[in-house]
Amino acid sequence: MVESMNKEAQKIVDKMIADADKYNLIKSTLENGTTVIDCGVNAKGSIKGGELYIKVCLGGISDVGISIPGDLSDVIAIPAVKVKTDFPALSTLGAQKASWKIEIGDFYAIASGPGRTHLKNQDPIYEETGYKETSDLAIITLESDKLPTNEVAEYIAKKCSVKTENLTLLVAPTASLVGAMQISGRSIENGIYKMKEILDFDVTKISYAAGITPISPVDPDNLKAMGKTNDAIIFGGRTYYYLNSDENDNIEELATKLPSSASTGYGKQFIEILKEADNDFYKIPSDIFAPAEVIVNDLTTGEIYRSGYIDLENLKKSFEVKEIRNK
């Protein structure tokens, strides 16, 4: 078992700070001692910076890489985020899950990261996985187009029951390279969240997971960026889950219901769904948050199930791809 996701994430944060210039990041310290790493508000950001940001989101206990999948090259070649983990339930639901909405004055952010392990109303996943946070550090990633103030940092530190000088906040807007990348790094999380919250499956039975999702084009419009980044998973995310079933589990049914194409309202662009929810991310039907294609390997029986599909037409429509063909 992992001793501390915050300590593991701190190792990555230290690298981001040490190489901030190389990764086009901006590190600053608030008056109260909180460390802030700007990954896209005023900073340009970078592909490597995005990769490290995703690792922090996942609690420092998962592998992340960037590639261009060869199987899309004859249709549309898009850089993609690859995630692999031996701690699927803990790293996704215990760290990466975007379940904390922060609103302080005119500051708004969706918060993720291992610092969530310190919250008083803890996620049940910690007890289910047997995880106990042992550090006095809190590392939070913020999806926001503004940098946090002293007031915001003090609020987060208080909620996490840590000193402000032991708090680190990483910030990336949706409308930035790092922001787009970190959402593409959530395909595994989306599937595991749906398994647990919608399909009532015991996700601690998942031993390993892997996923790959194209990175959406960066759009300066935050609303459009939120649509494109989520469509990247819904129409283009591919995930693999290795799990150990018991006699009461129907894994074929689980696999059938898991992909986004099995969800209510599938086929609509995410921006349409968002507008129908009054632009409130947390009012969106939860079952739409799922990868496009799912492969489930039942390690108990040896059976493997594949469901869903990569929807290139909807993906290109969402990304607003303009085809240019030279004869």
C-alpha atoms as a PDB file:
ATOM      1  CA  MET A   1       0.000   0.000   0.000  1.00  0.00           C
ATOM      2  CA  VAL A   2       1.100   3.545  -0.696  1.00  0.00           C
ATOM      3  CA  GLU A   3       2.345   5.415   2.389  1.00  0.00           C
ATOM      4  CA  SER A   4       1.298   8.899   1.274  1.00  0.00           C
ATOM      5  CA  MET A   5       0.020  10.138  -2.072  1.00  0.00           C
ATOM      6  CA  ASN A   6       0.818  13.705  -1.006  1.00  0.00           C
ATOM      7  CA  LYS A   7       4.458  12.767  -0.389  1.00  0.00           C
ATOM      8  CA  GLU A   8       4.634  10.980  -3.733  1.00  0.00           C
ATOM      9  CA  ALA A   9       3.076  13.972  -5.477  1.00  0.00           C
ATOM     10  CA  GLN A  10       5.501  16.308  -3.688  1.00  0.00           C
ATOM     11  CA  LYS A  11       8.396  14.604  -5.489  1.00  0.00           C
ATOM     12  CA  ILE A  12       6.803  15.562  -8.802  1.00  0.00           C
ATOM     13  CA  VAL A  13       6.058  19.091  -7.589  1.00  0.00           C
ATOM     14  CA  ASP A  14       9.721  19.501  -6.630  1.00  0.00           C
ATOM     15  CA  LYS A  15      10.712  18.581 -10.194  1.00  0.00           C
ATOM     16  CA  MET A  16       8.188  21.046 -11.624  1.00  0.00           C
ATOM     17  CA  ILE A  17       9.641  23.812  -9.444  1.00  0.00           C
ATOM     18  CA  ALA A  18      13.263  22.929 -10.192  1.00  0.00           C
ATOM     19  CA  ASP A  19      12.604  22.937 -13.958  1.00  0.00           C
ATOM     20  CA  ALA A  20       9.911  25.627 -14.018  1.00  0.00           C
ATOM     21  CA  ASP A  21      11.684  27.705 -16.685  1.00  0.00           C
ATOM     22  CA  LYS A  22      12.199  24.697 -18.929  1.00  0.00           C
ATOM     23  CA  TYR A  23       8.544  23.655 -18.567  1.00  0.00           C
ATOM     24  CA  ASN A  24       7.194  27.218 -18.964  1.00  0.00           C
ATOM     25  CA  LEU A  25       5.671  27.216 -15.478  1.00  0.00           C
ATOM     26  CA  ILE A  26       5.660  30.027 -12.928  1.00  0.00           C
ATOM     27  CA  LYS A  27       6.225  29.260  -9.254  1.00  0.00           C
ATOM     28  CA  SER A  28       5.295  31.805  -6.600  1.00  0.00           C
ATOM     29  CA  THR A  29       4.741  31.910  -2.852  1.00  0.00           C
ATOM     30  CA  LEU A  30       1.785  33.648  -1.251  1.00  0.00           C
ATOM     31  CA  GLU A  31       2.206  35.808   1.849  1.00  0.00           C
ATOM     32  CA  ASN A  32       0.901  32.960   4.004  1.00  0.00           C
ATOM     33  CA  GLY A  33       3.554  30.561   2.681  1.00  0.00           C
ATOM     34  CA  THR A  34       1.402  28.588   0.247  1.00  0.00           C
ATOM     35  CA  THR A  35       3.229  27.510  -2.921  1.00  0.00           C
ATOM     36  CA  VAL A  36       1.427  28.248  -6.202  1.00  0.00           C
ATOM     37  CA  ILE A  37       2.472  26.775  -9.536  1.00  0.00           C
ATOM     38  CA  ASP A  38       0.907  28.550 -12.497  1.00  0.00           C
ATOM     39  CA  CYS A  39       0.604  26.037 -15.324  1.00  0.00           C
ATOM     40  CA  GLY A  40      -1.500  28.071 -17.723  1.00  0.00           C
ATOM     41  CA  VAL A  41      -3.054  31.258 -16.307  1.00  0.00           C
ATOM     42  CA  ASN A  42      -0.126  33.578 -17.005  1.00  0.00           C
ATOM     43  CA  ALA A  43       2.336  30.783 -17.742  1.00  0.00           C
ATOM     44  CA  LYS A  44       2.599  29.309 -21.221  1.00  0.00           C
ATOM     45  CA  GLY A  45       2.771  25.725 -19.963  1.00  0.00           C
ATOM     46  CA  SER A  46       4.219  22.779 -21.869  1.00  0.00           C
ATOM     47  CA  ILE A  47       3.600  19.172 -22.857  1.00  0.00           C
ATOM     48  CA  LYS A  48       5.993  17.941 -20.162  1.00  0.00           C
ATOM     49  CA  GLY A  49       4.385  20.270 -17.645  1.00  0.00           C
ATOM     50  CA  GLY A  50       0.999  18.776 -18.520  1.00  0.00           C
ATOM     51  CA  GLU A  51       2.328  15.262 -18.087  1.00  0.00           C
ATOM     52  CA  LEU A  52       3.634  16.080 -14.613  1.00  0.00           C
ATOM     53  CA  TYR A  53       0.406  17.897 -13.705  1.00  0.00           C
ATOM     54  CA  ILE A  54      -1.581  14.737 -14.494  1.00  0.00           C
ATOM     55  CA  LYS A  55       0.781  12.649 -12.357  1.00  0.00           C
ATOM     56  CA  VAL A  56       0.157  15.013  -9.448  1.00  0.00           C
ATOM     57  CA  CYS A  57      -3.618  14.766 -10.018  1.00  0.00           C
ATOM     58  CA  LEU A  58      -3.273  10.983  -9.748  1.00  0.00           C
ATOM     59  CA  GLY A  59      -1.485  11.195  -6.405  1.00  0.00           C
ATOM     60  CA  GLY A  60       1.963  10.484  -7.807  1.00  0.00           C
ATOM     61  CA  ILE A  61       1.272   6.748  -8.030  1.00  0.00           C
ATOM     62  CA  SER A  62       0.433   6.300 -11.725  1.00  0.00           C
ATOM     63  CA  ASP A  63       2.421   6.421 -14.952  1.00  0.00           C
ATOM     64  CA  VAL A  64       1.617   9.078 -17.564  1.00  0.00           C
ATOM     65  CA  GLY A  65       2.952   9.501 -21.093  1.00  0.00           C
ATOM     66  CA  ILE A  66       2.180  11.337 -24.317  1.00  0.00           C
ATOM     67  CA  SER A  67       2.039   9.777 -27.773  1.00  0.00           C
ATOM     68  CA  ILE A  68       0.408   9.927 -31.200  1.00  0.00           C
ATOM     69  CA  PRO A  69      -1.560   6.671 -31.647  1.00  0.00           C
ATOM     70  CA  GLY A  70      -0.700   4.982 -34.921  1.00  0.00           C
ATOM     71  CA  ASP A  71      -4.187   3.552 -35.414  1.00  0.00           C
ATOM     72  CA  LEU A  72      -5.594   7.064 -35.931  1.00  0.00           C
ATOM     73  CA  SER A  73      -2.876   8.206 -38.324  1.00  0.00           C
ATOM     74  CA  ASP A  74      -4.805   7.366 -41.481  1.00  0.00           C
ATOM     75  CA  VAL A  75      -7.820   9.402 -40.309  1.00  0.00           C
ATOM     76  CA  ILE A  76      -6.673  12.040 -37.845  1.00  0.00           C
ATOM     77  CA  ALA A  77      -3.440  11.966 -35.850  1.00  0.00           C
ATOM     78  CA  ILE A  78      -3.900  13.634 -32.475  1.00  0.00           C
ATOM     79  CA  PRO A  79      -1.424  13.656 -29.561  1.00  0.00           C
ATOM     80  CA  ALA A  80      -2.866  11.602 -26.738  1.00  0.00           C
ATOM     81  CA  VAL A  81      -2.441  11.111 -22.994  1.00  0.00           C
ATOM     82  CA  LYS A  82      -1.622   7.585 -21.826  1.00  0.00           C
ATOM     83  CA  VAL A  83      -2.241   6.582 -18.198  1.00  0.00           C
ATOM     84  CA  LYS A  84      -1.312   3.287 -16.528  1.00  0.00           C
ATOM     85  CA  THR A  85      -1.882   2.433 -12.885  1.00  0.00           C
ATOM     86  CA  ASP A  86      -1.603  -0.443 -10.426  1.00  0.00           C
ATOM     87  CA  PHE A  87      -3.747   1.561  -7.964  1.00  0.00           C
ATOM     88  CA  PRO A  88      -6.819   2.270 -10.123  1.00  0.00           C
ATOM     89  CA  ALA A  89      -9.492   2.962  -7.492  1.00  0.00           C
ATOM     90  CA  LEU A  90      -7.246   4.900  -5.130  1.00  0.00           C
ATOM     91  CA  SER A  91      -5.378   7.060  -7.652  1.00  0.00           C
ATOM     92  CA  THR A  92      -8.530   8.028  -9.563  1.00  0.00           C
ATOM     93  CA  LEU A  93     -11.342   8.294  -7.010  1.00  0.00           C
ATOM     94  CA  GLY A  94      -8.990   9.005  -4.108  1.00  0.00           C
ATOM     95  CA  ALA A  95      -6.997  11.768  -5.808  1.00  0.00           C
ATOM     96  CA  GLN A  96      -7.950  12.634  -9.375  1.00  0.00           C
ATOM     97  CA  LYS A  97     -11.734  12.850  -8.977  1.00  0.00           C
ATOM     98  CA  ALA A  98     -12.982  16.392  -9.593  1.00  0.00           C
ATOM     99  CA  SER A  99     -15.458  16.369  -6.717  1.00  0.00           C
ATOM    100  CA  TRP A 100     -14.564  19.575  -4.872  1.00  0.00           C
ATOM    101  CA  LYS A 101     -16.067  22.850  -6.076  1.00  0.00           C
ATOM    102  CA  ILE A 102     -14.351  25.907  -4.584  1.00  0.00           C
ATOM    103  CA  GLU A 103     -16.024  29.319  -4.693  1.00  0.00           C
ATOM    104  CA  ILE A 104     -14.448  32.199  -2.768  1.00  0.00           C
ATOM    105  CA  GLY A 105     -15.583  35.669  -3.871  1.00  0.00           C
ATOM    106  CA  ASP A 106     -14.946  35.849  -7.617  1.00  0.00           C
ATOM    107  CA  PHE A 107     -12.602  32.843  -7.512  1.00  0.00           C
ATOM    108  CA  TYR A 108     -13.999  29.575  -8.865  1.00  0.00           C
ATOM    109  CA  ALA A 109     -12.194  26.278  -9.298  1.00  0.00           C
ATOM    110  CA  ILE A 110     -12.767  22.554  -9.641  1.00  0.00           C
ATOM    111  CA  ALA A 111     -10.280  20.921  -7.273  1.00  0.00           C
ATOM    112  CA  SER A 112      -8.582  17.539  -7.514  1.00  0.00           C
ATOM    113  CA  GLY A 113      -5.389  15.955  -6.229  1.00  0.00           C
ATOM    114  CA  PRO A 114      -4.115  14.020  -3.221  1.00  0.00           C
ATOM    115  CA  GLY A 115      -4.814  16.898  -0.833  1.00  0.00           C
ATOM    116  CA  ARG A 116      -8.419  15.652  -0.858  1.00  0.00           C
ATOM    117  CA  THR A 117      -7.289  12.844   1.460  1.00  0.00           C
ATOM    118  CA  HIS A 118      -7.264  15.396   4.313  1.00  0.00           C
ATOM    119  CA  LEU A 119     -10.878  16.528   3.947  1.00  0.00           C
ATOM    120  CA  LYS A 120     -13.019  15.854   7.032  1.00  0.00           C
ATOM    121  CA  ASN A 121     -15.899  14.330   5.069  1.00  0.00           C
ATOM    122  CA  GLN A 122     -13.610  11.825   3.451  1.00  0.00           C
ATOM    123  CA  ASP A 123     -14.453   9.877   0.340  1.00  0.00           C
ATOM    124  CA  PRO A 124     -15.436   6.282   1.247  1.00  0.00           C
ATOM    125  CA  ILE A 125     -12.839   5.035  -1.233  1.00  0.00           C
ATOM    126  CA  TYR A 126     -10.107   5.528   1.396  1.00  0.00           C
ATOM    127  CA  GLU A 127     -11.733   3.121   3.826  1.00  0.00           C
ATOM    128  CA  GLU A 128     -12.625   0.727   1.007  1.00  0.00           C
ATOM    129  CA  THR A 129      -9.003   0.603  -0.175  1.00  0.00           C
ATOM    130  CA  GLY A 130      -7.536   0.697   3.357  1.00  0.00           C
ATOM    131  CA  TYR A 131      -5.698   3.947   2.669  1.00  0.00           C
ATOM    132  CA  LYS A 132      -4.699   6.366   5.434  1.00  0.00           C
ATOM    133  CA  GLU A 133      -2.874   9.613   4.702  1.00  0.00           C
ATOM    134  CA  THR A 134       0.262   9.920   6.847  1.00  0.00           C
ATOM    135  CA  SER A 135       1.643  13.307   5.816  1.00  0.00           C
ATOM    136  CA  ASP A 136       0.969  16.902   6.855  1.00  0.00           C
ATOM    137  CA  LEU A 137       1.258  18.032   3.214  1.00  0.00           C
ATOM    138  CA  ALA A 138      -1.664  18.891   0.964  1.00  0.00           C
ATOM    139  CA  ILE A 139      -1.286  19.174  -2.802  1.00  0.00           C
ATOM    140  CA  ILE A 140      -4.292  20.347  -4.776  1.00  0.00           C
ATOM    141  CA  THR A 141      -4.742  20.886  -8.514  1.00  0.00           C
ATOM    142  CA  LEU A 142      -7.156  23.645  -9.503  1.00  0.00           C
ATOM    143  CA  GLU A 143      -8.980  23.891 -12.815  1.00  0.00           C
ATOM    144  CA  SER A 144      -9.390  27.663 -12.835  1.00  0.00           C
ATOM    145  CA  ASP A 145      -8.667  30.695 -14.993  1.00  0.00           C
ATOM    146  CA  LYS A 146      -7.523  32.722 -11.963  1.00  0.00           C
ATOM    147  CA  LEU A 147      -4.649  32.292  -9.546  1.00  0.00           C
ATOM    148  CA  PRO A 148      -5.617  31.703  -5.895  1.00  0.00           C
ATOM    149  CA  THR A 149      -5.296  34.492  -3.324  1.00  0.00           C
ATOM    150  CA  ASN A 150      -4.241  34.267   0.318  1.00  0.00           C
ATOM    151  CA  GLU A 151      -7.920  33.979   1.215  1.00  0.00           C
ATOM    152  CA  VAL A 152      -8.430  31.031  -1.137  1.00  0.00           C
ATOM    153  CA  ALA A 153      -5.297  29.266   0.136  1.00  0.00           C
ATOM    154  CA  GLU A 154      -6.325  29.763   3.764  1.00  0.00           C
ATOM    155  CA  TYR A 155      -9.772  28.323   3.011  1.00  0.00           C
ATOM    156  CA  ILE A 156      -8.281  25.226   1.331  1.00  0.00           C
ATOM    157  CA  ALA A 157      -5.664  24.742   4.066  1.00  0.00           C
ATOM    158  CA  LYS A 158      -8.328  24.958   6.758  1.00  0.00           C
ATOM    159  CA  LYS A 159     -10.526  22.426   4.969  1.00  0.00           C
ATOM    160  CA  CYS A 160      -7.522  20.105   4.639  1.00  0.00           C
ATOM    161  CA  SER A 161      -6.411  20.733   8.252  1.00  0.00           C
ATOM    162  CA  VAL A 162      -2.859  21.625   7.200  1.00  0.00           C
ATOM    163  CA  LYS A 163      -0.702  24.707   7.637  1.00  0.00           C
ATOM    164  CA  THR A 164      -0.762  27.139   4.721  1.00  0.00           C
ATOM    165  CA  GLU A 165       3.003  26.708   4.278  1.00  0.00           C
ATOM    166  CA  ASN A 166       2.402  22.966   3.774  1.00  0.00           C
ATOM    167  CA  LEU A 167      -0.099  23.603   0.979  1.00  0.00           C
ATOM    168  CA  THR A 168       0.768  23.535  -2.726  1.00  0.00           C
ATOM    169  CA  LEU A 169      -1.709  24.656  -5.389  1.00  0.00           C
ATOM    170  CA  LEU A 170      -1.250  23.867  -9.082  1.00  0.00           C
ATOM    171  CA  VAL A 171      -3.449  25.919 -11.410  1.00  0.00           C
ATOM    172  CA  ALA A 172      -4.415  25.375 -15.055  1.00  0.00           C
ATOM    173  CA  PRO A 173      -7.424  26.823 -16.916  1.00  0.00           C
ATOM    174  CA  THR A 174      -9.482  24.539 -19.128  1.00  0.00           C
ATOM    175  CA  ALA A 175      -8.514  26.879 -21.976  1.00  0.00           C
ATOM    176  CA  SER A 176      -4.803  26.030 -21.804  1.00  0.00           C
ATOM    177  CA  LEU A 177      -2.534  23.253 -23.006  1.00  0.00           C
ATOM    178  CA  VAL A 178      -2.023  21.796 -19.523  1.00  0.00           C
ATOM    179  CA  GLY A 179      -5.744  22.167 -18.810  1.00  0.00           C
ATOM    180  CA  ALA A 180      -6.673  20.235 -21.950  1.00  0.00           C
ATOM    181  CA  MET A 181      -4.121  17.542 -21.181  1.00  0.00           C
ATOM    182  CA  GLN A 182      -5.202  16.987 -17.578  1.00  0.00           C
ATOM    183  CA  ILE A 183      -8.791  16.310 -18.662  1.00  0.00           C
ATOM    184  CA  SER A 184      -7.630  13.815 -21.298  1.00  0.00           C
ATOM    185  CA  GLY A 185      -5.821  12.083 -18.434  1.00  0.00           C
ATOM    186  CA  ARG A 186      -9.181  11.271 -16.812  1.00  0.00           C
ATOM    187  CA  SER A 187     -10.492   8.472 -19.045  1.00  0.00           C
ATOM    188  CA  ILE A 188      -9.717   5.738 -16.509  1.00  0.00           C
ATOM    189  CA  GLU A 189     -11.243   7.827 -13.733  1.00  0.00           C
ATOM    190  CA  ASN A 190     -14.444   8.419 -15.707  1.00  0.00           C
ATOM    191  CA  GLY A 191     -14.934   4.690 -16.196  1.00  0.00           C
ATOM    192  CA  ILE A 192     -14.187   3.799 -12.587  1.00  0.00           C
ATOM    193  CA  TYR A 193     -16.486   6.568 -11.333  1.00  0.00           C
ATOM    194  CA  LYS A 194     -19.318   5.222 -13.514  1.00  0.00           C
ATOM    195  CA  MET A 195     -18.682   1.664 -12.314  1.00  0.00           C
ATOM    196  CA  LYS A 196     -18.970   2.744  -8.686  1.00  0.00           C
ATOM    197  CA  GLU A 197     -21.570   5.503  -8.684  1.00  0.00           C
ATOM    198  CA  ILE A 198     -23.857   4.464 -11.558  1.00  0.00           C
ATOM    199  CA  LEU A 199     -23.392   0.699 -11.923  1.00  0.00           C
ATOM    200  CA  ASP A 200     -22.792  -0.070  -8.213  1.00  0.00           C
ATOM    201  CA  PHE A 201     -19.701  -2.205  -8.842  1.00  0.00           C
ATOM    202  CA  ASP A 202     -17.024  -2.749  -6.194  1.00  0.00           C
ATOM    203  CA  VAL A 203     -14.125  -0.930  -7.847  1.00  0.00           C
ATOM    204  CA  THR A 204     -11.579  -2.305  -5.376  1.00  0.00           C
ATOM    205  CA  LYS A 205     -11.814  -5.484  -7.492  1.00  0.00           C
ATOM    206  CA  ILE A 206     -10.002  -3.637 -10.306  1.00  0.00           C
ATOM    207  CA  SER A 207      -6.326  -4.595 -10.085  1.00  0.00           C
ATOM    208  CA  TYR A 208      -4.855  -2.659 -13.002  1.00  0.00           C
ATOM    209  CA  ALA A 209      -6.072  -0.100 -15.525  1.00  0.00           C
ATOM    210  CA  ALA A 210      -4.797   1.739 -18.580  1.00  0.00           C
ATOM    211  CA  GLY A 211      -6.242   4.367 -20.868  1.00  0.00           C
ATOM    212  CA  ILE A 212      -5.440   6.576 -23.822  1.00  0.00           C
ATOM    213  CA  THR A 213      -7.318   9.706 -24.879  1.00  0.00           C
ATOM    214  CA  PRO A 214      -6.615  12.335 -27.556  1.00  0.00           C
ATOM    215  CA  ILE A 215      -5.753  15.815 -26.325  1.00  0.00           C
ATOM    216  CA  SER A 216      -8.366  18.291 -27.488  1.00  0.00           C
ATOM    217  CA  PRO A 217      -7.252  21.399 -29.371  1.00  0.00           C
ATOM    218  CA  VAL A 218      -6.682  24.349 -27.064  1.00  0.00           C
ATOM    219  CA  ASP A 219      -9.561  26.818 -27.338  1.00  0.00           C
ATOM    220  CA  PRO A 220      -9.276  30.287 -25.737  1.00  0.00           C
ATOM    221  CA  ASP A 221     -13.025  30.240 -24.971  1.00  0.00           C
ATOM    222  CA  ASN A 222     -13.399  28.524 -21.572  1.00  0.00           C
ATOM    223  CA  LEU A 223     -16.900  27.221 -22.287  1.00  0.00           C
ATOM    224  CA  LYS A 224     -15.941  25.770 -25.663  1.00  0.00           C
ATOM    225  CA  ALA A 225     -12.766  24.369 -24.112  1.00  0.00           C
ATOM    226  CA  MET A 226     -14.787  22.536 -21.470  1.00  0.00           C
ATOM    227  CA  GLY A 227     -16.918  21.039 -24.231  1.00  0.00           C
ATOM    228  CA  LYS A 228     -14.004  19.903 -26.371  1.00  0.00           C
ATOM    229  CA  THR A 229     -11.955  18.472 -23.505  1.00  0.00           C
ATOM    230  CA  ASN A 230     -14.809  16.323 -22.220  1.00  0.00           C
ATOM    231  CA  ASP A 231     -15.751  15.215 -25.740  1.00  0.00           C
ATOM    232  CA  ALA A 232     -12.184  13.953 -26.095  1.00  0.00           C
ATOM    233  CA  ILE A 233     -13.008  11.244 -23.541  1.00  0.00           C
ATOM    234  CA  ILE A 234     -16.662  10.699 -24.471  1.00  0.00           C
ATOM    235  CA  PHE A 235     -15.938  10.226 -28.183  1.00  0.00           C
ATOM    236  CA  GLY A 236     -12.238   9.332 -28.191  1.00  0.00           C
ATOM    237  CA  GLY A 237     -11.194   7.751 -24.881  1.00  0.00           C
ATOM    238  CA  ARG A 238     -10.114   4.112 -24.840  1.00  0.00           C
ATOM    239  CA  THR A 239      -9.701   2.282 -21.514  1.00  0.00           C
ATOM    240  CA  TYR A 240      -8.640  -1.136 -20.264  1.00  0.00           C
ATOM    241  CA  TYR A 241      -9.623  -2.627 -16.902  1.00  0.00           C
ATOM    242  CA  TYR A 242      -8.256  -5.817 -15.355  1.00  0.00           C
ATOM    243  CA  LEU A 243     -10.492  -7.019 -12.531  1.00  0.00           C
ATOM    244  CA  ASN A 244     -11.193 -10.015 -10.318  1.00  0.00           C
ATOM    245  CA  SER A 245     -14.872 -10.933 -10.343  1.00  0.00           C
ATOM    246  CA  ASP A 246     -16.761 -13.118  -7.918  1.00  0.00           C
ATOM    247  CA  GLU A 247     -19.764 -15.363  -8.511  1.00  0.00           C
ATOM    248  CA  ASN A 248     -22.258 -12.531  -8.018  1.00  0.00           C
ATOM    249  CA  ASP A 249     -20.771 -10.280 -10.697  1.00  0.00           C
ATOM    250  CA  ASN A 250     -22.086  -9.995 -14.230  1.00  0.00           C
ATOM    251  CA  ILE A 251     -19.045  -8.605 -16.002  1.00  0.00           C
ATOM    252  CA  GLU A 252     -20.599  -8.787 -19.455  1.00  0.00           C
ATOM    253  CA  GLU A 253     -23.440  -6.541 -18.282  1.00  0.00           C
ATOM    254  CA  LEU A 254     -20.929  -4.202 -16.608  1.00  0.00           C
ATOM    255  CA  ALA A 255     -18.947  -3.892 -19.843  1.00  0.00           C
ATOM    256  CA  THR A 256     -22.116  -3.355 -21.866  1.00  0.00           C
ATOM    257  CA  LYS A 257     -23.293  -0.433 -19.731  1.00  0.00           C
ATOM    258  CA  LEU A 258     -19.904   1.178 -19.151  1.00  0.00           C
ATOM    259  CA  PRO A 259     -18.988   3.148 -22.319  1.00  0.00           C
ATOM    260  CA  SER A 260     -20.334   6.608 -23.096  1.00  0.00           C
ATOM    261  CA  SER A 261     -22.440   5.288 -25.984  1.00  0.00           C
ATOM    262  CA  ALA A 262     -24.580   3.444 -23.404  1.00  0.00           C
ATOM    263  CA  SER A 263     -25.276   6.706 -21.581  1.00  0.00           C
ATOM    264  CA  THR A 264     -28.356   8.916 -21.625  1.00  0.00           C
ATOM    265  CA  GLY A 265     -28.040  11.700 -24.162  1.00  0.00           C
ATOM    266  CA  TYR A 266     -25.110  10.163 -26.025  1.00  0.00           C
ATOM    267  CA  GLY A 267     -24.419  11.817 -29.380  1.00  0.00           C
ATOM    268  CA  LYS A 268     -24.836  15.387 -28.205  1.00  0.00           C
ATOM    269  CA  GLN A 269     -21.781  17.586 -28.011  1.00  0.00           C
ATOM    270  CA  PHE A 270     -20.776  18.166 -24.392  1.00  0.00           C
ATOM    271  CA  ILE A 271     -21.224  21.915 -24.778  1.00  0.00           C
ATOM    272  CA  GLU A 272     -24.902  21.287 -25.615  1.00  0.00           C
ATOM    273  CA  ILE A 273     -25.323  19.150 -22.507  1.00  0.00           C
ATOM    274  CA  LEU A 274     -23.563  21.815 -20.442  1.00  0.00           C
ATOM    275  CA  LYS A 275     -25.892  24.554 -21.695  1.00  0.00           C
ATOM    276  CA  GLU A 276     -28.920  22.377 -20.878  1.00  0.00           C
ATOM    277  CA  ALA A 277     -27.519  22.185 -17.314  1.00  0.00           C
ATOM    278  CA  ASP A 278     -27.346  26.004 -17.084  1.00  0.00           C
ATOM    279  CA  ASN A 279     -23.563  25.824 -17.543  1.00  0.00           C
ATOM    280  CA  ASP A 280     -23.260  24.086 -14.156  1.00  0.00           C
ATOM    281  CA  PHE A 281     -20.774  21.219 -14.440  1.00  0.00           C
ATOM    282  CA  TYR A 282     -22.272  19.503 -11.374  1.00  0.00           C
ATOM    283  CA  LYS A 283     -25.815  19.425 -12.806  1.00  0.00           C
ATOM    284  CA  ILE A 284     -24.820  17.319 -15.800  1.00  0.00           C
ATOM    285  CA  PRO A 285     -26.157  13.709 -15.830  1.00  0.00           C
ATOM    286  CA  SER A 286     -23.331  11.642 -14.343  1.00  0.00           C
ATOM    287  CA  ASP A 287     -23.650   8.697 -16.724  1.00  0.00           C
ATOM    288  CA  ILE A 288     -22.323  10.722 -19.681  1.00  0.00           C
ATOM    289  CA  PHE A 289     -18.877  10.872 -18.045  1.00  0.00           C
ATOM    290  CA  ALA A 290     -17.448   7.675 -19.516  1.00  0.00           C
ATOM    291  CA  PRO A 291     -14.821   6.603 -22.059  1.00  0.00           C
ATOM    292  CA  ALA A 292     -15.804   5.888 -25.657  1.00  0.00           C
ATOM    293  CA  GLU A 293     -14.394   2.363 -25.793  1.00  0.00           C
ATOM    294  CA  VAL A 294     -13.925  -0.097 -22.954  1.00  0.00           C
ATOM    295  CA  ILE A 295     -12.104  -3.418 -22.687  1.00  0.00           C
ATOM    296  CA  VAL A 296     -12.609  -5.448 -19.518  1.00  0.00           C
ATOM    297  CA  ASN A 297     -10.451  -8.468 -18.734  1.00  0.00           C
ATOM    298  CA  ASP A 298     -11.909 -10.681 -16.002  1.00  0.00           C
ATOM    299  CA  LEU A 299      -8.851 -12.195 -14.322  1.00  0.00           C
ATOM    300  CA  THR A 300     -11.014 -14.740 -12.480  1.00  0.00           C
ATOM    301  CA  THR A 301     -12.495 -16.342 -15.595  1.00  0.00           C
ATOM    302  CA  GLY A 302     -10.053 -15.203 -18.270  1.00  0.00           C
ATOM    303  CA  GLU A 303     -12.903 -13.683 -20.290  1.00  0.00           C
ATOM    304  CA  ILE A 304     -12.467 -10.363 -22.069  1.00  0.00           C
ATOM    305  CA  TYR A 305     -15.202  -7.975 -23.170  1.00  0.00           C
ATOM    306  CA  ARG A 306     -15.004  -5.042 -25.573  1.00  0.00           C
ATOM    307  CA  SER A 307     -17.781  -2.458 -25.824  1.00  0.00           C
ATOM    308  CA  GLY A 308     -18.324   1.027 -27.192  1.00  0.00           C
ATOM    309  CA  TYR A 309     -16.417   2.598 -30.061  1.00  0.00           C
ATOM    310  CA  ILE A 310     -14.261   5.547 -31.079  1.00  0.00           C
ATOM    311  CA  ASP A 311     -16.638   8.080 -32.633  1.00  0.00           C
ATOM    312  CA  LEU A 312     -14.355   9.940 -35.035  1.00  0.00           C
ATOM    313  CA  GLU A 313     -17.133  11.925 -36.690  1.00  0.00           C
ATOM    314  CA  ASN A 314     -18.398  13.395 -33.431  1.00  0.00           C
ATOM    315  CA  LEU A 315     -14.833  13.921 -32.261  1.00  0.00           C
ATOM    316  CA  LYS A 316     -13.921  15.917 -35.363  1.00  0.00           C
ATOM    317  CA  LYS A 317     -17.179  17.865 -35.123  1.00  0.00           C
ATOM    318  CA  SER A 318     -16.462  18.787 -31.512  1.00  0.00           C
ATOM    319  CA  PHE A 319     -12.856  19.719 -32.270  1.00  0.00           C
ATOM    320  CA  GLU A 320     -14.042  21.823 -35.233  1.00  0.00           C
ATOM    321  CA  VAL A 321     -11.533  20.186 -37.552  1.00  0.00           C
ATOM    322  CA  LYS A 322     -11.218  21.938 -40.908  1.00  0.00           C
ATOM    323  CA  GLU A 323     -10.117  19.394 -43.485  1.00  0.00           C
ATOM    324  CA  ILE A 324      -7.640  20.595 -46.118  1.00  0.00           C
ATOM    325  CA  ARG A 325      -6.878  18.145 -48.904  1.00  0.00           C
ATOM    326  CA  ASN A 326      -4.178  18.928 -51.428  1.00  0.00           C
ATOM    327  CA  LYS A 327      -4.457  17.066 -54.721  1.00  0.00           C
END
